[in-house]
Protein backbone atom coordinates (compact mmCIF):
# COMPACT_ATOMS: atom_id res chain seq x y z
CA UNK A 1 118.20 84.40 88.97
CA UNK A 2 116.26 81.81 85.72
CA UNK A 3 113.50 81.82 87.66
CA UNK A 4 112.88 85.02 88.81
CA UNK A 5 113.07 86.10 84.92
CA UNK A 6 110.84 83.32 83.66
CA UNK A 7 108.25 84.98 86.13
CA UNK A 8 108.85 88.42 85.21
CA UNK A 9 108.51 88.09 81.47
CA UNK A 10 112.29 89.23 80.99
CA UNK A 11 114.22 87.70 78.61
CA UNK A 12 117.67 88.51 79.40
CA UNK A 13 119.25 89.16 82.91
CA UNK A 14 119.71 93.14 81.28
CA UNK A 15 116.39 93.55 81.04
CA UNK A 16 115.49 92.39 84.53
CA UNK A 17 118.55 94.29 86.23
CA UNK A 18 116.94 97.63 84.60
CA UNK A 19 112.92 96.93 84.91
CA UNK A 20 113.67 95.39 88.84
CA UNK A 21 114.29 97.45 91.80
CA UNK A 22 114.06 96.49 95.07
CA UNK A 23 113.95 99.13 98.05
CA UNK A 24 115.08 98.58 101.58
CA UNK A 25 111.61 98.38 102.80
CA UNK A 26 110.97 95.91 100.61
CA UNK A 27 114.17 93.98 101.77
CA UNK A 28 112.97 94.44 105.24
CA UNK A 29 109.77 93.11 104.62
CA UNK A 30 111.25 89.89 103.32
CA UNK A 31 113.54 89.10 106.02
CA UNK A 32 111.18 89.72 108.73
CA UNK A 33 108.90 87.08 106.65
CA UNK A 34 111.60 84.87 106.46
CA UNK A 35 112.59 85.47 110.50
CA UNK A 36 109.02 84.57 111.62
CA UNK A 37 109.17 81.34 109.37
CA UNK A 38 112.09 80.37 110.97
CA UNK A 39 111.22 81.31 114.56
CA UNK A 40 107.69 79.36 114.51
CA UNK A 41 105.56 81.67 113.34
CA UNK A 42 103.71 85.05 114.95
CA UNK A 43 105.21 83.76 118.62
CA UNK A 44 108.68 85.00 118.02
CA UNK A 45 111.45 83.75 119.30
CA UNK A 46 112.25 80.02 119.54
CA UNK A 47 112.21 78.58 122.95
CA UNK A 48 108.62 79.97 123.47
CA UNK A 49 104.81 78.65 123.56
CA UNK A 50 105.90 77.35 119.94
CA UNK A 51 108.61 75.07 121.47
CA UNK A 52 106.69 72.13 122.56
CA UNK A 53 109.75 70.28 124.15
CA UNK A 54 109.52 72.31 127.46
CA UNK A 55 106.34 71.31 128.05
CA UNK A 56 106.42 67.89 127.74
CA UNK A 57 107.24 66.09 130.96
CA UNK A 58 110.45 63.58 130.77
CA UNK A 59 110.37 60.18 131.23
CA UNK A 60 110.82 59.36 134.27
CA UNK A 61 107.97 62.06 135.24
CA UNK A 62 105.61 60.14 133.22
CA UNK A 63 106.41 56.90 134.77
CA UNK A 64 105.30 57.81 137.63
CA UNK A 65 101.80 58.67 135.89
C-alpha cells in the first residue's frame, strides 16, 4: 500500500481509499494478464508449445545420434 500511495501521490490511506476505485472489469483484466505471464505468454496453458521439455529428445535417443 505504501508504494501505491507513493505512486498516486496520496498522503494517507484514507485518501487512497476515497479516490481509488477498481471495477470488476479492471480486476478481470489484471488477473488475465497475470495468468498469461504464469502460463508462458499468448500460447496459453503450460505443457503446450511454450514447454520445450517435450520437444527435447531424452539422453538415450541423443546418444544414438
